[in-house]
C-alpha atoms as a PDB file:
ATOM      1  CA  MET A   1      -0.002   0.005   0.035  1.00  0.00           C
ATOM      2  CA  SER A   2       1.413   3.351  -0.930  1.00  0.00           C
ATOM      3  CA  PHE A   3       0.540   7.074  -1.376  1.00  0.00           C
ATOM      4  CA  LYS A   4       2.006   9.959  -3.382  1.00  0.00           C
ATOM      5  CA  LEU A   5       3.879  12.669  -1.552  1.00  0.00           C
ATOM      6  CA  ILE A   6       4.411  16.103  -3.045  1.00  0.00           C
ATOM      7  CA  TYR A   7       6.582  18.471  -0.947  1.00  0.00           C
ATOM      8  CA  LYS A   8       8.821  21.175  -2.418  1.00  0.00           C
ATOM      9  CA  LYS A   9      10.656  19.446  -5.230  1.00  0.00           C
ATOM     10  CA  GLN A  10       9.816  15.957  -4.038  1.00  0.00           C
ATOM     11  CA  ASN A  11       7.250  13.976  -5.951  1.00  0.00           C
ATOM     12  CA  GLU A  12       7.509  10.434  -4.832  1.00  0.00           C
ATOM     13  CA  GLU A  13       5.598   7.200  -3.975  1.00  0.00           C
ATOM     14  CA  ARG A  14       5.851   6.299  -0.289  1.00  0.00           C
ATOM     15  CA  GLU A  15       4.822   3.127   1.459  1.00  0.00           C
ATOM     16  CA  LEU A  16       2.126   3.249   4.165  1.00  0.00           C
ATOM     17  CA  PRO A  17       3.734   1.902   7.309  1.00  0.00           C
ATOM     18  CA  ASN A  18       0.410   0.945   8.858  1.00  0.00           C
ATOM     19  CA  GLU A  19      -3.345   1.368   8.268  1.00  0.00           C
ATOM     20  CA  ASN A  20      -3.688   4.195  10.761  1.00  0.00           C
ATOM     21  CA  TYR A  21      -0.854   6.405   9.340  1.00  0.00           C
ATOM     22  CA  THR A  22      -1.853  10.031   9.721  1.00  0.00           C
ATOM     23  CA  ILE A  23      -0.682  13.394   8.332  1.00  0.00           C
ATOM     24  CA  ARG A  24       0.834  13.983  11.799  1.00  0.00           C
ATOM     25  CA  ASP A  25       2.808  10.750  11.537  1.00  0.00           C
ATOM     26  CA  LEU A  26       4.080  11.793   8.135  1.00  0.00           C
ATOM     27  CA  LEU A  27       5.086  15.261   9.423  1.00  0.00           C
ATOM     28  CA  ASN A  28       6.921  13.622  12.334  1.00  0.00           C
ATOM     29  CA  ASP A  29       8.731  11.244   9.955  1.00  0.00           C
ATOM     30  CA  LEU A  30       9.839  14.132   7.809  1.00  0.00           C
ATOM     31  CA  GLU A  31      10.791  16.148  10.915  1.00  0.00           C
ATOM     32  CA  LEU A  32       8.466  18.961   9.889  1.00  0.00           C
ATOM     33  CA  SER A  33       6.504  21.202  12.252  1.00  0.00           C
ATOM     34  CA  PRO A  34       2.659  21.201  11.846  1.00  0.00           C
ATOM     35  CA  GLN A  35       2.777  24.976  12.676  1.00  0.00           C
ATOM     36  CA  THR A  36       4.706  25.676   9.426  1.00  0.00           C
ATOM     37  CA  ILE A  37       2.968  23.209   7.004  1.00  0.00           C
ATOM     38  CA  VAL A  38      -0.455  23.196   5.316  1.00  0.00           C
ATOM     39  CA  SER A  39      -1.578  19.692   4.274  1.00  0.00           C
ATOM     40  CA  LYS A  40      -3.770  18.637   1.414  1.00  0.00           C
ATOM     41  CA  GLN A  41      -5.188  15.216   0.790  1.00  0.00           C
ATOM     42  CA  ASN A  42      -6.346  14.732  -2.854  1.00  0.00           C
ATOM     43  CA  GLY A  43      -6.538  18.522  -3.274  1.00  0.00           C
ATOM     44  CA  GLU A  44      -8.598  19.237  -0.070  1.00  0.00           C
ATOM     45  CA  LEU A  45      -7.187  20.872   3.021  1.00  0.00           C
ATOM     46  CA  VAL A  46      -6.965  18.448   5.893  1.00  0.00           C
ATOM     47  CA  ILE A  47      -5.982  18.431   9.595  1.00  0.00           C
ATOM     48  CA  GLU A  48      -3.116  16.454  11.080  1.00  0.00           C
ATOM     49  CA  ASP A  49      -5.368  13.681  12.423  1.00  0.00           C
ATOM     50  CA  THR A  50      -6.496  12.725   8.945  1.00  0.00           C
ATOM     51  CA  VAL A  51      -5.651   9.099   8.073  1.00  0.00           C
ATOM     52  CA  ILE A  52      -3.753   8.585   4.768  1.00  0.00           C
ATOM     53  CA  GLN A  53      -5.392   6.015   2.543  1.00  0.00           C
ATOM     54  CA  GLU A  54      -3.879   3.917  -0.294  1.00  0.00           C
ATOM     55  CA  ASP A  55      -3.357   5.874  -3.506  1.00  0.00           C
ATOM     56  CA  ASP A  56      -3.940   9.239  -1.793  1.00  0.00           C
ATOM     57  CA  GLU A  57      -2.052  12.258  -3.068  1.00  0.00           C
ATOM     58  CA  ILE A  58      -0.607  14.235  -0.092  1.00  0.00           C
ATOM     59  CA  GLN A  59       0.711  17.617  -0.737  1.00  0.00           C
ATOM     60  CA  LEU A  60       2.602  19.545   1.956  1.00  0.00           C
ATOM     61  CA  VAL A  61       2.927  23.261   1.507  1.00  0.00           C
ATOM     62  CA  GLN A  62       5.486  25.334   3.544  1.00  0.00           C
ATOM     63  CA  ILE A  63       3.996  28.466   5.167  1.00  0.00           C
ATOM     64  CA  ILE A  64       6.198  31.497   4.720  1.00  0.00           C
ATOM     65  CA  TYR A  65       6.523  33.882   7.651  1.00  0.00           C
ATOM     66  CA  GLY A  66       7.852  37.372   7.322  1.00  0.00           C
ATOM     67  CA  GLY A  67       7.561  40.963   8.286  1.00  0.00           C
END
């Protein structure tokens, strides 16, 4: 079982480690802070508790801070 990850210049297939793998788990694995990332699942905004399903497309967008 796998899903597609799009983040910056990455566009890759990744294996689902378990059936309850969430966006939060993915962010932790990538060592990314949920406060600086917006997550999309199949084009829709989602929260970190969303479970990733087989063949999902997950896009992570970095939030830019500045003044």
